[in-house]
Amino acid sequence: MRRPRRLLRRVLVLALAAVLALLGLGAGGVWWATDHYGDQVARIPDAFPKGPRPPESPGHDGGTTFLLVGVDSRSKRPTTGSDATARLWKYGAQRSDTLMLVHLSGDERSASTLSLPRDSWVAIPGHGSAKINAAFSWGGPPLLIRTMEQLTGIRVDHFGVIDWHGFRSLTDAVGGVPVTIAHDTYDPEQNRHFTAGTHVLNGEQALAYVRQRHGLPGGELDRIERQQQFLRSLVGRIGNSVGITDPLGTDRMLDAITGAVSVDDRMSNGDLRSLAFGLRHLSSENTRFATAPIIRSDMIRGQYALILDRPALRAQARAVEAGHPPGAEPTTARR
């Protein structure tokens, strides 16, 4: 398996806060902007599970861990962000397509990201074993958070989510996102061809690109690399779309972000402000990325599944929580 590419120039912990950091605003500007735009961010009530949750590990660096999720809602109406006109979660209607644990270190000078494949076969509390993307489908944010915490052994502090509508609108808001495709591929599931070369993808094209796994040699793991590549390019486009000298363009971009992204209701405007200040210190040199280690692929109850190396995954998660580089590499699991 190829080593996962270095991702974002600035970690996509929370799109809103990342943009505020990229603006280079002074303290007063960040204070005003996080209150003004923070009030517009859609909050998810009761996102966290009730009952016991993992304590901070002895090696915890005092930082903050986020669970970032992209959901495959097929609703005709938006379900995330301030533009949402439909419920974020309805039993059986949405699954989590993208899962990332992101930890911002206690000194706010480094970040680590751990991606988990949607086909990972895991224990889902109260439901037996299944693919991890079923957790959101069956129980929304609380069940997904509990599943992730049980799987990794680390505590999730905040939750962020974006659906297909938000993904498309955010991509279109930056004027499309450039990606470089190494080889011609065909996705039989979506009946789409992807041609080698560098292309600026609009929202619809970009969604098809980051969803492709059929027709890729590494299947789900190659899809994760595509998602990571796309996020790096998207953040670059966001950075180029905002600036103090273009307040109207900046306002449109922040409106697009708040329209697309929802966060847990425990994330206050003060939390957003602290995050914005912290993200100013981050760069590609102190942002580290990994993908959950895979032992093999398998067919379980007629479903393609990836079997995780649980001890190695927990070691990776502890490293992330401690602010250290997540070192284990995923094995190749081909379809």
C-alpha atoms as a PDB file:
ATOM      1  CA  MET A   1       0.000   0.000   0.000  1.00  0.00           C
ATOM      2  CA  ARG A   2       1.313   3.434  -0.892  1.00  0.00           C
ATOM      3  CA  ARG A   3       2.001   5.723   2.031  1.00  0.00           C
ATOM      4  CA  PRO A   4      -0.937   8.128   2.423  1.00  0.00           C
ATOM      5  CA  ARG A   5      -0.143  11.491   0.844  1.00  0.00           C
ATOM      6  CA  ARG A   6       0.468  14.512   2.945  1.00  0.00           C
ATOM      7  CA  LEU A   7      -2.847  16.214   3.220  1.00  0.00           C
ATOM      8  CA  LEU A   8      -3.974  19.701   4.007  1.00  0.00           C
ATOM      9  CA  ARG A   9      -1.669  22.672   4.117  1.00  0.00           C
ATOM     10  CA  ARG A  10      -3.929  23.589   6.976  1.00  0.00           C
ATOM     11  CA  VAL A  11      -5.780  20.766   8.699  1.00  0.00           C
ATOM     12  CA  LEU A  12      -9.488  20.712   7.971  1.00  0.00           C
ATOM     13  CA  VAL A  13     -10.428  20.428  11.619  1.00  0.00           C
ATOM     14  CA  LEU A  14     -13.407  22.677  11.126  1.00  0.00           C
ATOM     15  CA  ALA A  15     -13.819  24.501   7.832  1.00  0.00           C
ATOM     16  CA  LEU A  16     -15.088  27.699   9.403  1.00  0.00           C
ATOM     17  CA  ALA A  17     -12.216  28.031  11.857  1.00  0.00           C
ATOM     18  CA  ALA A  18      -9.671  27.142   9.178  1.00  0.00           C
ATOM     19  CA  VAL A  19     -10.862  29.983   6.979  1.00  0.00           C
ATOM     20  CA  LEU A  20     -10.746  32.440   9.866  1.00  0.00           C
ATOM     21  CA  ALA A  21      -7.157  31.401  10.486  1.00  0.00           C
ATOM     22  CA  LEU A  22      -6.252  31.779   6.823  1.00  0.00           C
ATOM     23  CA  LEU A  23      -7.666  35.305   6.853  1.00  0.00           C
ATOM     24  CA  GLY A  24      -4.829  36.394   9.099  1.00  0.00           C
ATOM     25  CA  LEU A  25      -7.262  38.532  11.101  1.00  0.00           C
ATOM     26  CA  GLY A  26      -6.084  40.342  14.185  1.00  0.00           C
ATOM     27  CA  ALA A  27      -7.384  39.424  17.601  1.00  0.00           C
ATOM     28  CA  GLY A  28     -10.308  41.844  17.380  1.00  0.00           C
ATOM     29  CA  GLY A  29     -11.225  40.624  13.916  1.00  0.00           C
ATOM     30  CA  VAL A  30     -11.197  36.981  14.928  1.00  0.00           C
ATOM     31  CA  TRP A  31     -13.238  37.825  18.039  1.00  0.00           C
ATOM     32  CA  TRP A  32     -15.897  39.574  15.957  1.00  0.00           C
ATOM     33  CA  ALA A  33     -15.875  37.029  13.116  1.00  0.00           C
ATOM     34  CA  THR A  34     -16.225  33.964  15.337  1.00  0.00           C
ATOM     35  CA  ASP A  35     -19.175  35.533  17.137  1.00  0.00           C
ATOM     36  CA  HIS A  36     -20.796  36.779  13.930  1.00  0.00           C
ATOM     37  CA  TYR A  37     -20.336  33.630  11.877  1.00  0.00           C
ATOM     38  CA  GLY A  38     -20.316  31.273  14.839  1.00  0.00           C
ATOM     39  CA  ASP A  39     -23.906  32.272  15.536  1.00  0.00           C
ATOM     40  CA  GLN A  40     -24.758  31.049  12.032  1.00  0.00           C
ATOM     41  CA  VAL A  41     -23.134  27.620  12.414  1.00  0.00           C
ATOM     42  CA  ALA A  42     -25.744  24.854  12.718  1.00  0.00           C
ATOM     43  CA  ARG A  43     -25.450  23.077  16.078  1.00  0.00           C
ATOM     44  CA  ILE A  44     -26.486  19.426  16.514  1.00  0.00           C
ATOM     45  CA  PRO A  45     -28.421  18.889  19.753  1.00  0.00           C
ATOM     46  CA  ASP A  46     -27.585  15.838  21.894  1.00  0.00           C
ATOM     47  CA  ALA A  47     -24.815  14.692  19.538  1.00  0.00           C
ATOM     48  CA  PHE A  48     -22.927  12.814  22.250  1.00  0.00           C
ATOM     49  CA  PRO A  49     -23.889   9.456  23.738  1.00  0.00           C
ATOM     50  CA  LYS A  50     -25.171   9.190  27.281  1.00  0.00           C
ATOM     51  CA  GLY A  51     -23.431   7.073  29.874  1.00  0.00           C
ATOM     52  CA  PRO A  52     -19.761   6.304  30.536  1.00  0.00           C
ATOM     53  CA  ARG A  53     -17.188   7.459  28.004  1.00  0.00           C
ATOM     54  CA  PRO A  54     -13.423   6.908  27.711  1.00  0.00           C
ATOM     55  CA  PRO A  55     -11.300   8.949  30.112  1.00  0.00           C
ATOM     56  CA  GLU A  56      -8.307  10.886  28.882  1.00  0.00           C
ATOM     57  CA  SER A  57      -5.342   8.532  28.558  1.00  0.00           C
ATOM     58  CA  PRO A  58      -2.219   9.117  30.683  1.00  0.00           C
ATOM     59  CA  GLY A  59      -0.393  10.304  27.559  1.00  0.00           C
ATOM     60  CA  HIS A  60      -3.042  12.877  26.575  1.00  0.00           C
ATOM     61  CA  ASP A  61      -1.408  16.178  25.648  1.00  0.00           C
ATOM     62  CA  GLY A  62      -4.305  18.407  26.712  1.00  0.00           C
ATOM     63  CA  GLY A  63      -5.448  19.002  23.143  1.00  0.00           C
ATOM     64  CA  THR A  64      -8.810  18.525  21.418  1.00  0.00           C
ATOM     65  CA  THR A  65     -10.017  15.558  19.358  1.00  0.00           C
ATOM     66  CA  PHE A  66     -12.604  16.018  16.599  1.00  0.00           C
ATOM     67  CA  LEU A  67     -14.593  13.413  14.708  1.00  0.00           C
ATOM     68  CA  LEU A  68     -15.203  14.744  11.182  1.00  0.00           C
ATOM     69  CA  VAL A  69     -17.817  12.963   9.079  1.00  0.00           C
ATOM     70  CA  GLY A  70     -19.092  13.123   5.525  1.00  0.00           C
ATOM     71  CA  VAL A  71     -22.528  11.512   5.170  1.00  0.00           C
ATOM     72  CA  ASP A  72     -24.075  10.060   2.024  1.00  0.00           C
ATOM     73  CA  SER A  73     -27.557  11.473   2.597  1.00  0.00           C
ATOM     74  CA  ARG A  74     -29.653  10.958  -0.507  1.00  0.00           C
ATOM     75  CA  SER A  75     -32.217  13.477   0.674  1.00  0.00           C
ATOM     76  CA  LYS A  76     -33.344  15.899  -2.029  1.00  0.00           C
ATOM     77  CA  ARG A  77     -32.965  18.645   0.567  1.00  0.00           C
ATOM     78  CA  PRO A  78     -29.826  19.675   2.526  1.00  0.00           C
ATOM     79  CA  THR A  79     -29.405  17.999   5.925  1.00  0.00           C
ATOM     80  CA  THR A  80     -26.295  19.816   7.243  1.00  0.00           C
ATOM     81  CA  GLY A  81     -25.326  23.439   7.793  1.00  0.00           C
ATOM     82  CA  SER A  82     -27.536  26.486   8.123  1.00  0.00           C
ATOM     83  CA  ASP A  83     -29.020  25.685   4.696  1.00  0.00           C
ATOM     84  CA  ALA A  84     -30.512  22.435   6.024  1.00  0.00           C
ATOM     85  CA  THR A  85     -34.225  22.008   5.415  1.00  0.00           C
ATOM     86  CA  ALA A  86     -34.351  18.296   6.266  1.00  0.00           C
ATOM     87  CA  ARG A  87     -33.315  16.313   9.343  1.00  0.00           C
ATOM     88  CA  LEU A  88     -29.636  15.465   9.725  1.00  0.00           C
ATOM     89  CA  TRP A  89     -30.485  11.922  10.742  1.00  0.00           C
ATOM     90  CA  LYS A  90     -33.379   9.582  10.032  1.00  0.00           C
ATOM     91  CA  TYR A  91     -33.113   5.860  10.744  1.00  0.00           C
ATOM     92  CA  GLY A  92     -31.638   4.036   7.742  1.00  0.00           C
ATOM     93  CA  ALA A  93     -31.482   7.138   5.518  1.00  0.00           C
ATOM     94  CA  GLN A  94     -27.821   8.201   5.869  1.00  0.00           C
ATOM     95  CA  ARG A  95     -24.467   6.487   6.282  1.00  0.00           C
ATOM     96  CA  SER A  96     -21.037   7.912   7.062  1.00  0.00           C
ATOM     97  CA  ASP A  97     -18.967   7.864   3.880  1.00  0.00           C
ATOM     98  CA  THR A  98     -15.911   9.618   5.332  1.00  0.00           C
ATOM     99  CA  LEU A  99     -14.538   9.304   8.878  1.00  0.00           C
ATOM    100  CA  MET A 100     -11.565  11.225  10.266  1.00  0.00           C
ATOM    101  CA  LEU A 101     -10.303  11.602  13.810  1.00  0.00           C
ATOM    102  CA  VAL A 102      -8.404  14.891  14.034  1.00  0.00           C
ATOM    103  CA  HIS A 103      -6.439  15.908  17.125  1.00  0.00           C
ATOM    104  CA  LEU A 104      -5.187  19.466  17.658  1.00  0.00           C
ATOM    105  CA  SER A 105      -2.316  19.331  20.147  1.00  0.00           C
ATOM    106  CA  GLY A 106      -2.446  21.030  23.520  1.00  0.00           C
ATOM    107  CA  ASP A 107       0.142  23.618  22.468  1.00  0.00           C
ATOM    108  CA  GLU A 108      -1.882  24.223  19.257  1.00  0.00           C
ATOM    109  CA  ARG A 109       1.240  23.802  17.133  1.00  0.00           C
ATOM    110  CA  SER A 110       0.630  20.370  15.599  1.00  0.00           C
ATOM    111  CA  ALA A 111      -2.258  18.205  14.449  1.00  0.00           C
ATOM    112  CA  SER A 112      -2.717  14.528  13.649  1.00  0.00           C
ATOM    113  CA  THR A 113      -5.404  12.927  11.500  1.00  0.00           C
ATOM    114  CA  LEU A 114      -6.444   9.265  11.442  1.00  0.00           C
ATOM    115  CA  SER A 115      -8.792   8.159   8.629  1.00  0.00           C
ATOM    116  CA  LEU A 116     -11.002   5.073   9.010  1.00  0.00           C
ATOM    117  CA  PRO A 117     -12.397   3.266   5.958  1.00  0.00           C
ATOM    118  CA  ARG A 118     -16.193   3.168   5.785  1.00  0.00           C
ATOM    119  CA  ASP A 119     -16.039  -0.608   5.121  1.00  0.00           C
ATOM    120  CA  SER A 120     -14.227  -1.333   8.405  1.00  0.00           C
ATOM    121  CA  TRP A 121     -15.933  -4.287  10.137  1.00  0.00           C
ATOM    122  CA  VAL A 122     -16.447  -3.303  13.784  1.00  0.00           C
ATOM    123  CA  ALA A 123     -18.605  -3.894  16.834  1.00  0.00           C
ATOM    124  CA  ILE A 124     -21.498  -1.424  16.958  1.00  0.00           C
ATOM    125  CA  PRO A 125     -22.949  -1.146  20.485  1.00  0.00           C
ATOM    126  CA  GLY A 126     -26.367  -2.759  20.695  1.00  0.00           C
ATOM    127  CA  HIS A 127     -26.255  -4.011  17.089  1.00  0.00           C
ATOM    128  CA  GLY A 128     -23.538  -6.655  16.900  1.00  0.00           C
ATOM    129  CA  SER A 129     -20.856  -6.364  14.212  1.00  0.00           C
ATOM    130  CA  ALA A 130     -21.238  -4.517  10.923  1.00  0.00           C
ATOM    131  CA  LYS A 131     -19.527  -1.979   8.699  1.00  0.00           C
ATOM    132  CA  ILE A 132     -18.716   1.167  10.632  1.00  0.00           C
ATOM    133  CA  ASN A 133     -20.795   3.326   8.275  1.00  0.00           C
ATOM    134  CA  ALA A 134     -23.930   1.587   9.582  1.00  0.00           C
ATOM    135  CA  ALA A 135     -23.474   3.189  13.011  1.00  0.00           C
ATOM    136  CA  PHE A 136     -24.620   6.593  11.786  1.00  0.00           C
ATOM    137  CA  SER A 137     -27.428   4.997   9.792  1.00  0.00           C
ATOM    138  CA  TRP A 138     -28.776   3.166  12.840  1.00  0.00           C
ATOM    139  CA  GLY A 139     -28.212   5.704  15.594  1.00  0.00           C
ATOM    140  CA  GLY A 140     -27.023   9.043  14.224  1.00  0.00           C
ATOM    141  CA  PRO A 141     -24.138  10.988  15.824  1.00  0.00           C
ATOM    142  CA  PRO A 142     -24.425   9.449  19.330  1.00  0.00           C
ATOM    143  CA  LEU A 143     -24.083   5.854  18.111  1.00  0.00           C
ATOM    144  CA  LEU A 144     -21.286   6.746  15.689  1.00  0.00           C
ATOM    145  CA  ILE A 145     -19.349   8.568  18.410  1.00  0.00           C
ATOM    146  CA  ARG A 146     -19.832   5.677  20.846  1.00  0.00           C
ATOM    147  CA  THR A 147     -18.704   3.196  18.172  1.00  0.00           C
ATOM    148  CA  MET A 148     -15.573   5.231  17.418  1.00  0.00           C
ATOM    149  CA  GLU A 149     -14.712   5.664  21.081  1.00  0.00           C
ATOM    150  CA  GLN A 150     -15.201   1.950  21.783  1.00  0.00           C
ATOM    151  CA  LEU A 151     -13.110   1.041  18.735  1.00  0.00           C
ATOM    152  CA  THR A 152     -10.184   3.406  19.342  1.00  0.00           C
ATOM    153  CA  GLY A 153     -10.280   3.811  23.107  1.00  0.00           C
ATOM    154  CA  ILE A 154      -9.984   7.598  22.885  1.00  0.00           C
ATOM    155  CA  ARG A 155     -12.517  10.296  23.712  1.00  0.00           C
ATOM    156  CA  VAL A 156     -14.139  12.476  21.018  1.00  0.00           C
ATOM    157  CA  ASP A 157     -14.415  16.117  22.146  1.00  0.00           C
ATOM    158  CA  HIS A 158     -16.266  17.598  19.167  1.00  0.00           C
ATOM    159  CA  PHE A 159     -18.193  16.420  16.114  1.00  0.00           C
ATOM    160  CA  GLY A 160     -18.527  17.979  12.635  1.00  0.00           C
ATOM    161  CA  VAL A 161     -20.540  16.746   9.632  1.00  0.00           C
ATOM    162  CA  ILE A 162     -21.229  17.678   6.005  1.00  0.00           C
ATOM    163  CA  ASP A 163     -23.601  15.982   3.525  1.00  0.00           C
ATOM    164  CA  TRP A 164     -23.531  15.653  -0.275  1.00  0.00           C
ATOM    165  CA  HIS A 165     -25.441  18.904  -0.765  1.00  0.00           C
ATOM    166  CA  GLY A 166     -22.979  20.799   1.416  1.00  0.00           C
ATOM    167  CA  PHE A 167     -20.001  19.192  -0.295  1.00  0.00           C
ATOM    168  CA  ARG A 168     -21.244  20.205  -3.744  1.00  0.00           C
ATOM    169  CA  SER A 169     -22.145  23.744  -2.714  1.00  0.00           C
ATOM    170  CA  LEU A 170     -18.829  24.329  -0.936  1.00  0.00           C
ATOM    171  CA  THR A 171     -16.895  23.061  -3.979  1.00  0.00           C
ATOM    172  CA  ASP A 172     -18.874  25.307  -6.305  1.00  0.00           C
ATOM    173  CA  ALA A 173     -18.444  28.270  -3.937  1.00  0.00           C
ATOM    174  CA  VAL A 174     -14.664  28.206  -4.456  1.00  0.00           C
ATOM    175  CA  GLY A 175     -15.073  28.023  -8.242  1.00  0.00           C
ATOM    176  CA  GLY A 176     -14.255  24.318  -8.423  1.00  0.00           C
ATOM    177  CA  VAL A 177     -11.281  22.393  -7.038  1.00  0.00           C
ATOM    178  CA  PRO A 178      -8.245  21.261  -9.072  1.00  0.00           C
ATOM    179  CA  VAL A 179      -7.180  17.620  -8.785  1.00  0.00           C
ATOM    180  CA  THR A 180      -4.524  15.652 -10.615  1.00  0.00           C
ATOM    181  CA  ILE A 181      -5.551  12.161 -11.719  1.00  0.00           C
ATOM    182  CA  ALA A 182      -2.618   9.829 -12.336  1.00  0.00           C
ATOM    183  CA  HIS A 183      -4.377   7.248 -14.551  1.00  0.00           C
ATOM    184  CA  ASP A 184      -7.561   6.859 -16.540  1.00  0.00           C
ATOM    185  CA  THR A 185     -10.173   5.021 -14.472  1.00  0.00           C
ATOM    186  CA  TYR A 186     -13.761   3.913 -14.897  1.00  0.00           C
ATOM    187  CA  ASP A 187     -16.263   3.598 -12.065  1.00  0.00           C
ATOM    188  CA  PRO A 188     -18.894   1.008 -13.066  1.00  0.00           C
ATOM    189  CA  GLU A 189     -21.050   1.832 -10.035  1.00  0.00           C
ATOM    190  CA  GLN A 190     -21.422   5.486 -11.045  1.00  0.00           C
ATOM    191  CA  ASN A 191     -20.887   4.843 -14.783  1.00  0.00           C
ATOM    192  CA  ARG A 192     -18.244   7.582 -14.883  1.00  0.00           C
ATOM    193  CA  HIS A 193     -14.884   7.884 -16.600  1.00  0.00           C
ATOM    194  CA  PHE A 194     -12.058   9.835 -14.973  1.00  0.00           C
ATOM    195  CA  THR A 195      -9.325  10.959 -17.365  1.00  0.00           C
ATOM    196  CA  ALA A 196      -5.667  11.305 -16.380  1.00  0.00           C
ATOM    197  CA  GLY A 197      -4.458  14.886 -16.021  1.00  0.00           C
ATOM    198  CA  THR A 198      -5.233  17.958 -13.942  1.00  0.00           C
ATOM    199  CA  HIS A 199      -8.879  19.029 -13.908  1.00  0.00           C
ATOM    200  CA  VAL A 200     -10.880  21.665 -12.053  1.00  0.00           C
ATOM    201  CA  LEU A 201     -13.905  19.763 -10.750  1.00  0.00           C
ATOM    202  CA  ASN A 202     -17.245  21.365  -9.994  1.00  0.00           C
ATOM    203  CA  GLY A 203     -19.380  20.147  -7.101  1.00  0.00           C
ATOM    204  CA  GLU A 204     -21.083  17.309  -8.953  1.00  0.00           C
ATOM    205  CA  GLN A 205     -17.847  16.073 -10.551  1.00  0.00           C
ATOM    206  CA  ALA A 206     -15.935  16.347  -7.276  1.00  0.00           C
ATOM    207  CA  LEU A 207     -18.529  14.306  -5.399  1.00  0.00           C
ATOM    208  CA  ALA A 208     -18.256  11.519  -7.973  1.00  0.00           C
ATOM    209  CA  TYR A 209     -14.451  11.676  -7.763  1.00  0.00           C
ATOM    210  CA  VAL A 210     -14.190  11.339  -3.974  1.00  0.00           C
ATOM    211  CA  ARG A 211     -16.863   8.629  -3.900  1.00  0.00           C
ATOM    212  CA  GLN A 212     -15.153   6.334  -6.420  1.00  0.00           C
ATOM    213  CA  ARG A 213     -13.798   3.049  -5.107  1.00  0.00           C
ATOM    214  CA  HIS A 214     -14.854   0.618  -7.851  1.00  0.00           C
ATOM    215  CA  GLY A 215     -12.264   0.584 -10.592  1.00  0.00           C
ATOM    216  CA  LEU A 216      -9.433   1.641  -8.257  1.00  0.00           C
ATOM    217  CA  PRO A 217      -6.689  -0.943  -7.515  1.00  0.00           C
ATOM    218  CA  GLY A 218      -6.800  -0.345  -3.756  1.00  0.00           C
ATOM    219  CA  GLY A 219     -10.575   0.063  -3.532  1.00  0.00           C
ATOM    220  CA  GLU A 220     -11.596   1.827  -0.325  1.00  0.00           C
ATOM    221  CA  LEU A 221      -8.018   2.728   0.650  1.00  0.00           C
ATOM    222  CA  ASP A 222      -7.433   4.423  -2.699  1.00  0.00           C
ATOM    223  CA  ARG A 223     -10.673   6.314  -2.186  1.00  0.00           C
ATOM    224  CA  ILE A 224      -9.389   7.613   1.152  1.00  0.00           C
ATOM    225  CA  GLU A 225      -6.266   8.893  -0.616  1.00  0.00           C
ATOM    226  CA  ARG A 226      -8.491  10.663  -3.143  1.00  0.00           C
ATOM    227  CA  GLN A 227     -10.478  12.280  -0.352  1.00  0.00           C
ATOM    228  CA  GLN A 228      -7.298  13.420   1.344  1.00  0.00           C
ATOM    229  CA  GLN A 229      -5.909  14.806  -1.920  1.00  0.00           C
ATOM    230  CA  PHE A 230      -9.157  16.653  -2.571  1.00  0.00           C
ATOM    231  CA  LEU A 231      -9.253  18.187   0.925  1.00  0.00           C
ATOM    232  CA  ARG A 232      -5.725  19.520   0.531  1.00  0.00           C
ATOM    233  CA  SER A 233      -6.685  21.204  -2.716  1.00  0.00           C
ATOM    234  CA  LEU A 234     -10.008  22.474  -1.340  1.00  0.00           C
ATOM    235  CA  VAL A 235      -8.346  24.201   1.603  1.00  0.00           C
ATOM    236  CA  GLY A 236      -5.899  25.829  -0.795  1.00  0.00           C
ATOM    237  CA  ARG A 237      -8.827  27.144  -2.856  1.00  0.00           C
ATOM    238  CA  ILE A 238     -10.560  28.427   0.276  1.00  0.00           C
ATOM    239  CA  GLY A 239      -7.390  30.272   1.248  1.00  0.00           C
ATOM    240  CA  ASN A 240      -7.222  31.874  -2.195  1.00  0.00           C
ATOM    241  CA  SER A 241     -10.884  32.876  -2.042  1.00  0.00           C
ATOM    242  CA  VAL A 242     -10.731  34.942   1.135  1.00  0.00           C
ATOM    243  CA  GLY A 243      -8.760  37.948   2.259  1.00  0.00           C
ATOM    244  CA  ILE A 244      -8.972  41.222   4.142  1.00  0.00           C
ATOM    245  CA  THR A 245      -8.832  43.143   0.851  1.00  0.00           C
ATOM    246  CA  ASP A 246     -11.871  41.274  -0.498  1.00  0.00           C
ATOM    247  CA  PRO A 247     -14.515  41.485   2.229  1.00  0.00           C
ATOM    248  CA  LEU A 248     -17.374  40.604  -0.107  1.00  0.00           C
ATOM    249  CA  GLY A 249     -15.611  37.483  -1.367  1.00  0.00           C
ATOM    250  CA  THR A 250     -14.711  36.526   2.184  1.00  0.00           C
ATOM    251  CA  ASP A 251     -18.278  36.997   3.344  1.00  0.00           C
ATOM    252  CA  ARG A 252     -19.568  34.785   0.527  1.00  0.00           C
ATOM    253  CA  MET A 253     -17.069  32.062   1.404  1.00  0.00           C
ATOM    254  CA  LEU A 254     -17.889  32.103   5.102  1.00  0.00           C
ATOM    255  CA  ASP A 255     -21.590  32.023   4.260  1.00  0.00           C
ATOM    256  CA  ALA A 256     -20.950  28.969   2.055  1.00  0.00           C
ATOM    257  CA  ILE A 257     -19.083  27.194   4.853  1.00  0.00           C
ATOM    258  CA  THR A 258     -21.655  27.917   7.553  1.00  0.00           C
ATOM    259  CA  GLY A 259     -24.354  26.882   5.098  1.00  0.00           C
ATOM    260  CA  ALA A 260     -22.723  23.484   4.593  1.00  0.00           C
ATOM    261  CA  VAL A 261     -21.280  22.320   7.941  1.00  0.00           C
ATOM    262  CA  SER A 262     -22.962  21.311  11.232  1.00  0.00           C
ATOM    263  CA  VAL A 263     -21.179  20.852  14.583  1.00  0.00           C
ATOM    264  CA  ASP A 264     -22.140  19.551  18.016  1.00  0.00           C
ATOM    265  CA  ASP A 265     -23.945  21.960  20.332  1.00  0.00           C
ATOM    266  CA  ARG A 266     -21.129  21.756  22.879  1.00  0.00           C
ATOM    267  CA  MET A 267     -18.913  23.775  20.524  1.00  0.00           C
ATOM    268  CA  SER A 268     -19.367  27.362  21.607  1.00  0.00           C
ATOM    269  CA  ASN A 269     -18.304  30.498  19.774  1.00  0.00           C
ATOM    270  CA  GLY A 270     -15.482  30.696  22.296  1.00  0.00           C
ATOM    271  CA  ASP A 271     -14.346  27.224  21.226  1.00  0.00           C
ATOM    272  CA  LEU A 272     -14.371  28.377  17.596  1.00  0.00           C
ATOM    273  CA  ARG A 273     -12.349  31.424  18.563  1.00  0.00           C
ATOM    274  CA  SER A 274      -9.732  29.340  20.376  1.00  0.00           C
ATOM    275  CA  LEU A 275      -9.563  26.982  17.424  1.00  0.00           C
ATOM    276  CA  ALA A 276      -9.091  29.856  14.986  1.00  0.00           C
ATOM    277  CA  PHE A 277      -6.187  31.237  17.012  1.00  0.00           C
ATOM    278  CA  GLY A 278      -4.643  27.780  17.340  1.00  0.00           C
ATOM    279  CA  LEU A 279      -4.849  26.964  13.632  1.00  0.00           C
ATOM    280  CA  ARG A 280      -2.727  30.002  12.771  1.00  0.00           C
ATOM    281  CA  HIS A 281       0.344  28.045  13.877  1.00  0.00           C
ATOM    282  CA  LEU A 282      -0.273  24.986  11.697  1.00  0.00           C
ATOM    283  CA  SER A 283       1.443  24.109   8.441  1.00  0.00           C
ATOM    284  CA  SER A 284       2.026  20.979   6.372  1.00  0.00           C
ATOM    285  CA  GLU A 285       5.258  20.382   8.291  1.00  0.00           C
ATOM    286  CA  ASN A 286       3.506  19.951  11.632  1.00  0.00           C
ATOM    287  CA  THR A 287       0.329  18.240  10.426  1.00  0.00           C
ATOM    288  CA  ARG A 288       0.502  14.439  10.258  1.00  0.00           C
ATOM    289  CA  PHE A 289      -1.799  11.890   8.644  1.00  0.00           C
ATOM    290  CA  ALA A 290      -2.431   8.143   8.700  1.00  0.00           C
ATOM    291  CA  THR A 291      -5.019   5.553   7.701  1.00  0.00           C
ATOM    292  CA  ALA A 292      -6.245   2.819  10.026  1.00  0.00           C
ATOM    293  CA  PRO A 293      -4.168  -0.383   9.670  1.00  0.00           C
ATOM    294  CA  ILE A 294      -5.919  -3.151   7.742  1.00  0.00           C
ATOM    295  CA  ILE A 295      -5.155  -6.869   8.119  1.00  0.00           C
ATOM    296  CA  ARG A 296      -7.146  -8.043   5.105  1.00  0.00           C
ATOM    297  CA  SER A 297     -10.345  -7.686   3.120  1.00  0.00           C
ATOM    298  CA  ASP A 298     -13.127 -10.259   3.446  1.00  0.00           C
ATOM    299  CA  MET A 299     -16.690 -11.087   2.442  1.00  0.00           C
ATOM    300  CA  ILE A 300     -18.979 -11.200   5.492  1.00  0.00           C
ATOM    301  CA  ARG A 301     -22.668 -11.958   5.114  1.00  0.00           C
ATOM    302  CA  GLY A 302     -22.388 -11.069   1.447  1.00  0.00           C
ATOM    303  CA  GLN A 303     -20.715  -7.717   2.138  1.00  0.00           C
ATOM    304  CA  TYR A 304     -17.206  -6.551   1.264  1.00  0.00           C
ATOM    305  CA  ALA A 305     -15.477  -5.670   4.543  1.00  0.00           C
ATOM    306  CA  LEU A 306     -12.082  -4.575   5.812  1.00  0.00           C
ATOM    307  CA  ILE A 307     -10.683  -6.280   8.909  1.00  0.00           C
ATOM    308  CA  LEU A 308      -8.806  -3.842  11.120  1.00  0.00           C
ATOM    309  CA  ASP A 309      -5.675  -4.567  13.119  1.00  0.00           C
ATOM    310  CA  ARG A 310      -7.294  -3.565  16.408  1.00  0.00           C
ATOM    311  CA  PRO A 311      -4.173  -3.434  18.624  1.00  0.00           C
ATOM    312  CA  ALA A 312      -2.286  -1.387  16.021  1.00  0.00           C
ATOM    313  CA  LEU A 313      -5.292   0.910  15.545  1.00  0.00           C
ATOM    314  CA  ARG A 314      -5.526   1.596  19.269  1.00  0.00           C
ATOM    315  CA  ALA A 315      -1.802   2.311  19.374  1.00  0.00           C
ATOM    316  CA  GLN A 316      -2.277   4.767  16.493  1.00  0.00           C
ATOM    317  CA  ALA A 317      -5.210   6.419  18.250  1.00  0.00           C
ATOM    318  CA  ARG A 318      -3.214   6.819  21.475  1.00  0.00           C
ATOM    319  CA  ALA A 319      -0.386   8.368  19.465  1.00  0.00           C
ATOM    320  CA  VAL A 320      -2.836  10.802  17.895  1.00  0.00           C
ATOM    321  CA  GLU A 321      -4.259  11.729  21.325  1.00  0.00           C
ATOM    322  CA  ALA A 322      -0.745  12.263  22.671  1.00  0.00           C
ATOM    323  CA  GLY A 323       0.107  14.583  19.795  1.00  0.00           C
ATOM    324  CA  HIS A 324       2.645  12.168  18.272  1.00  0.00           C
ATOM    325  CA  PRO A 325       2.841  11.106  14.609  1.00  0.00           C
ATOM    326  CA  PRO A 326       0.507   8.136  13.994  1.00  0.00           C
ATOM    327  CA  GLY A 327       3.115   5.732  12.726  1.00  0.00           C
ATOM    328  CA  ALA A 328       1.523   2.423  11.662  1.00  0.00           C
ATOM    329  CA  GLU A 329       0.926   1.929   7.947  1.00  0.00           C
ATOM    330  CA  PRO A 330      -2.169   0.292   6.470  1.00  0.00           C
ATOM    331  CA  THR A 331      -1.732  -2.930   4.562  1.00  0.00           C
ATOM    332  CA  THR A 332      -3.029  -3.301   1.034  1.00  0.00           C
ATOM    333  CA  ALA A 333      -6.572  -4.592   0.908  1.00  0.00           C
ATOM    334  CA  ARG A 334      -7.656  -4.981  -2.700  1.00  0.00           C
ATOM    335  CA  ARG A 335     -11.046  -5.773  -4.052  1.00  0.00           C
END
